[in-house]
Amino acid sequence: MSNSAILLVARILLSFMFIMSGLSKFGGIEGTAGYIGSVGLPAPVLLAWAAALFETIAGIAILVGFQTKIAALLLAAFCVFAGFVFHFQPSDQMQMISFMKNLTIAGGFLTLWVAGPGSISVDARRGGTLATA
């Protein structure tokens, strides 16, 4: 399997959760706002809408390989932020598993940031950054 095919599979796997999570937030924005408000962040309804839009759009960008490096870096930061703000609870094993998963996913996005989207991507078709390997 070529590096570009592997990068395509990686992009599909990394994007799936964010696209589905973003889309699901649109159907339950109140619940998302409540969860955001429960950790003390300001403007929870606005942040819930922003999270829904960001996850959906950035997830689709990763999936199709459009502005991949930017989307990957932003999603890595999003994962680290969400991990620390929502899941870093050392006394709760399930929350710590979610925290570690967020950091692991951030690592995957940082790898994509370095490697680029590969030749099977919108970026490649537009003459953008290709995989280095």
C-alpha atoms as a PDB file:
ATOM      1  CA  MET A   1       0.000   0.000   0.000  1.00  0.00           C
ATOM      2  CA  SER A   2       1.387   3.429  -0.906  1.00  0.00           C
ATOM      3  CA  ASN A   3       2.063   6.164   1.642  1.00  0.00           C
ATOM      4  CA  SER A   4      -0.689   8.280   0.086  1.00  0.00           C
ATOM      5  CA  ALA A   5      -3.203   5.447   0.469  1.00  0.00           C
ATOM      6  CA  ILE A   6      -2.185   5.032   4.103  1.00  0.00           C
ATOM      7  CA  LEU A   7      -2.533   8.776   4.653  1.00  0.00           C
ATOM      8  CA  LEU A   8      -6.005   8.615   3.089  1.00  0.00           C
ATOM      9  CA  VAL A   9      -7.001   5.839   5.502  1.00  0.00           C
ATOM     10  CA  ALA A  10      -5.538   7.864   8.390  1.00  0.00           C
ATOM     11  CA  ARG A  11      -7.521  10.923   7.323  1.00  0.00           C
ATOM     12  CA  ILE A  12     -10.730   8.880   7.117  1.00  0.00           C
ATOM     13  CA  LEU A  13     -10.177   7.387  10.574  1.00  0.00           C
ATOM     14  CA  LEU A  14      -9.206  10.706  12.155  1.00  0.00           C
ATOM     15  CA  SER A  15     -12.069  12.654  10.585  1.00  0.00           C
ATOM     16  CA  PHE A  16     -14.936  10.251  11.249  1.00  0.00           C
ATOM     17  CA  MET A  17     -15.373  11.031  14.940  1.00  0.00           C
ATOM     18  CA  PHE A  18     -15.250  14.790  14.436  1.00  0.00           C
ATOM     19  CA  ILE A  19     -17.727  14.864  11.573  1.00  0.00           C
ATOM     20  CA  MET A  20     -20.180  12.649  13.466  1.00  0.00           C
ATOM     21  CA  SER A  21     -19.695  14.509  16.749  1.00  0.00           C
ATOM     22  CA  GLY A  22     -20.096  17.911  15.108  1.00  0.00           C
ATOM     23  CA  LEU A  23     -23.233  16.877  13.257  1.00  0.00           C
ATOM     24  CA  SER A  24     -24.766  15.330  16.369  1.00  0.00           C
ATOM     25  CA  LYS A  25     -24.221  18.551  18.310  1.00  0.00           C
ATOM     26  CA  PHE A  26     -26.537  20.372  15.900  1.00  0.00           C
ATOM     27  CA  GLY A  27     -29.373  18.118  17.044  1.00  0.00           C
ATOM     28  CA  GLY A  28     -28.655  18.599  20.736  1.00  0.00           C
ATOM     29  CA  ILE A  29     -27.015  21.969  21.127  1.00  0.00           C
ATOM     30  CA  GLU A  30     -28.663  22.486  24.533  1.00  0.00           C
ATOM     31  CA  GLY A  31     -26.980  19.388  25.957  1.00  0.00           C
ATOM     32  CA  THR A  32     -23.618  20.442  24.592  1.00  0.00           C
ATOM     33  CA  ALA A  33     -24.101  23.949  26.003  1.00  0.00           C
ATOM     34  CA  GLY A  34     -25.003  22.458  29.379  1.00  0.00           C
ATOM     35  CA  TYR A  35     -21.844  20.344  29.392  1.00  0.00           C
ATOM     36  CA  ILE A  36     -19.718  23.352  28.419  1.00  0.00           C
ATOM     37  CA  GLY A  37     -21.391  25.443  31.119  1.00  0.00           C
ATOM     38  CA  SER A  38     -20.800  22.713  33.721  1.00  0.00           C
ATOM     39  CA  VAL A  39     -17.039  23.299  33.562  1.00  0.00           C
ATOM     40  CA  GLY A  40     -17.449  27.055  33.957  1.00  0.00           C
ATOM     41  CA  LEU A  41     -16.674  28.235  30.435  1.00  0.00           C
ATOM     42  CA  PRO A  42     -18.416  31.476  29.437  1.00  0.00           C
ATOM     43  CA  ALA A  43     -21.081  31.752  26.714  1.00  0.00           C
ATOM     44  CA  PRO A  44     -21.831  28.017  26.589  1.00  0.00           C
ATOM     45  CA  VAL A  45     -24.472  28.271  23.844  1.00  0.00           C
ATOM     46  CA  LEU A  46     -22.134  30.241  21.583  1.00  0.00           C
ATOM     47  CA  LEU A  47     -19.285  27.826  22.300  1.00  0.00           C
ATOM     48  CA  ALA A  48     -21.554  24.847  21.607  1.00  0.00           C
ATOM     49  CA  TRP A  49     -22.446  26.228  18.165  1.00  0.00           C
ATOM     50  CA  ALA A  50     -18.781  27.047  17.521  1.00  0.00           C
ATOM     51  CA  ALA A  51     -17.737  23.521  18.512  1.00  0.00           C
ATOM     52  CA  ALA A  52     -20.393  21.957  16.278  1.00  0.00           C
ATOM     53  CA  LEU A  53     -19.329  24.040  13.298  1.00  0.00           C
ATOM     54  CA  PHE A  54     -15.613  23.593  13.934  1.00  0.00           C
ATOM     55  CA  GLU A  55     -15.743  19.831  14.409  1.00  0.00           C
ATOM     56  CA  THR A  56     -17.878  19.348  11.306  1.00  0.00           C
ATOM     57  CA  ILE A  57     -15.931  21.669   9.011  1.00  0.00           C
ATOM     58  CA  ALA A  58     -12.459  20.685  10.232  1.00  0.00           C
ATOM     59  CA  GLY A  59     -13.434  17.004  10.091  1.00  0.00           C
ATOM     60  CA  ILE A  60     -14.589  17.342   6.492  1.00  0.00           C
ATOM     61  CA  ALA A  61     -11.399  19.259   5.635  1.00  0.00           C
ATOM     62  CA  ILE A  62      -9.305  16.388   6.994  1.00  0.00           C
ATOM     63  CA  LEU A  63     -11.457  13.804   5.212  1.00  0.00           C
ATOM     64  CA  VAL A  64     -11.051  15.364   1.777  1.00  0.00           C
ATOM     65  CA  GLY A  65      -7.549  16.664   2.388  1.00  0.00           C
ATOM     66  CA  PHE A  66      -8.306  20.381   2.081  1.00  0.00           C
ATOM     67  CA  GLN A  67      -6.042  22.770   4.000  1.00  0.00           C
ATOM     68  CA  THR A  68      -5.000  19.597   5.776  1.00  0.00           C
ATOM     69  CA  LYS A  69      -2.043  20.908   7.739  1.00  0.00           C
ATOM     70  CA  ILE A  70      -4.008  23.845   9.141  1.00  0.00           C
ATOM     71  CA  ALA A  71      -7.023  21.675  10.014  1.00  0.00           C
ATOM     72  CA  ALA A  72      -4.775  19.028  11.592  1.00  0.00           C
ATOM     73  CA  LEU A  73      -2.978  21.577  13.769  1.00  0.00           C
ATOM     74  CA  LEU A  74      -6.255  23.173  14.871  1.00  0.00           C
ATOM     75  CA  LEU A  75      -7.815  19.792  15.660  1.00  0.00           C
ATOM     76  CA  ALA A  76      -4.717  18.765  17.638  1.00  0.00           C
ATOM     77  CA  ALA A  77      -5.044  21.925  19.737  1.00  0.00           C
ATOM     78  CA  PHE A  78      -8.794  21.325  20.110  1.00  0.00           C
ATOM     79  CA  CYS A  79      -8.137  17.782  21.388  1.00  0.00           C
ATOM     80  CA  VAL A  80      -5.552  18.931  23.934  1.00  0.00           C
ATOM     81  CA  PHE A  81      -7.805  21.768  25.128  1.00  0.00           C
ATOM     82  CA  ALA A  82     -10.871  19.507  25.408  1.00  0.00           C
ATOM     83  CA  GLY A  83      -8.832  16.824  27.130  1.00  0.00           C
ATOM     84  CA  PHE A  84      -7.595  19.122  29.856  1.00  0.00           C
ATOM     85  CA  VAL A  85     -10.798  21.151  30.304  1.00  0.00           C
ATOM     86  CA  PHE A  86     -13.364  18.348  30.141  1.00  0.00           C
ATOM     87  CA  HIS A  87     -11.601  15.093  30.990  1.00  0.00           C
ATOM     88  CA  PHE A  88      -8.600  15.685  33.256  1.00  0.00           C
ATOM     89  CA  GLN A  89     -10.027  14.239  36.456  1.00  0.00           C
ATOM     90  CA  PRO A  90      -7.393  11.973  38.035  1.00  0.00           C
ATOM     91  CA  SER A  91      -9.910  10.557  40.498  1.00  0.00           C
ATOM     92  CA  ASP A  92     -12.186   9.308  37.689  1.00  0.00           C
ATOM     93  CA  GLN A  93     -10.683   6.465  35.670  1.00  0.00           C
ATOM     94  CA  MET A  94     -13.184   6.788  32.785  1.00  0.00           C
ATOM     95  CA  GLN A  95     -12.503  10.515  32.416  1.00  0.00           C
ATOM     96  CA  MET A  96      -8.766   9.850  32.462  1.00  0.00           C
ATOM     97  CA  ILE A  97      -9.197   7.297  29.672  1.00  0.00           C
ATOM     98  CA  SER A  98     -11.021   9.980  27.665  1.00  0.00           C
ATOM     99  CA  PHE A  99      -8.222  12.422  28.516  1.00  0.00           C
ATOM    100  CA  MET A 100      -5.562   9.992  27.260  1.00  0.00           C
ATOM    101  CA  LYS A 101      -7.588   9.301  24.102  1.00  0.00           C
ATOM    102  CA  ASN A 102      -7.786  13.033  23.400  1.00  0.00           C
ATOM    103  CA  LEU A 103      -4.007  13.352  23.717  1.00  0.00           C
ATOM    104  CA  THR A 104      -3.500  10.297  21.518  1.00  0.00           C
ATOM    105  CA  ILE A 105      -5.789  11.709  18.815  1.00  0.00           C
ATOM    106  CA  ALA A 106      -3.877  15.008  19.039  1.00  0.00           C
ATOM    107  CA  GLY A 107      -0.724  13.006  18.319  1.00  0.00           C
ATOM    108  CA  GLY A 108      -2.339  11.565  15.205  1.00  0.00           C
ATOM    109  CA  PHE A 109      -3.240  15.038  14.007  1.00  0.00           C
ATOM    110  CA  LEU A 110       0.287  16.303  14.663  1.00  0.00           C
ATOM    111  CA  THR A 111       1.607  13.428  12.569  1.00  0.00           C
ATOM    112  CA  LEU A 112      -0.753  14.434   9.765  1.00  0.00           C
ATOM    113  CA  TRP A 113       0.392  18.044  10.183  1.00  0.00           C
ATOM    114  CA  VAL A 114       3.992  16.953   9.576  1.00  0.00           C
ATOM    115  CA  ALA A 115       3.295  14.365   6.847  1.00  0.00           C
ATOM    116  CA  GLY A 116       0.673  16.302   4.911  1.00  0.00           C
ATOM    117  CA  PRO A 117      -2.390  14.798   3.257  1.00  0.00           C
ATOM    118  CA  GLY A 118      -0.703  12.692   0.586  1.00  0.00           C
ATOM    119  CA  SER A 119      -1.449  12.710  -3.127  1.00  0.00           C
ATOM    120  CA  ILE A 120      -5.043  11.493  -2.727  1.00  0.00           C
ATOM    121  CA  SER A 121      -6.349  14.840  -1.518  1.00  0.00           C
ATOM    122  CA  VAL A 122      -7.788  18.167  -2.565  1.00  0.00           C
ATOM    123  CA  ASP A 123      -4.543  19.820  -1.481  1.00  0.00           C
ATOM    124  CA  ALA A 124      -2.559  17.659  -3.911  1.00  0.00           C
ATOM    125  CA  ARG A 125      -4.968  18.376  -6.770  1.00  0.00           C
ATOM    126  CA  ARG A 126      -4.634  22.091  -6.078  1.00  0.00           C
ATOM    127  CA  GLY A 127      -0.827  21.853  -5.979  1.00  0.00           C
ATOM    128  CA  GLY A 128      -0.632  22.092  -2.207  1.00  0.00           C
ATOM    129  CA  THR A 129       1.475  20.203   0.295  1.00  0.00           C
ATOM    130  CA  LEU A 130       2.015  16.498  -0.344  1.00  0.00           C
ATOM    131  CA  ALA A 131       3.271  13.798   1.962  1.00  0.00           C
ATOM    132  CA  THR A 132       6.991  13.945   2.576  1.00  0.00           C
ATOM    133  CA  ALA A 133       7.422  10.176   2.539  1.00  0.00           C
END
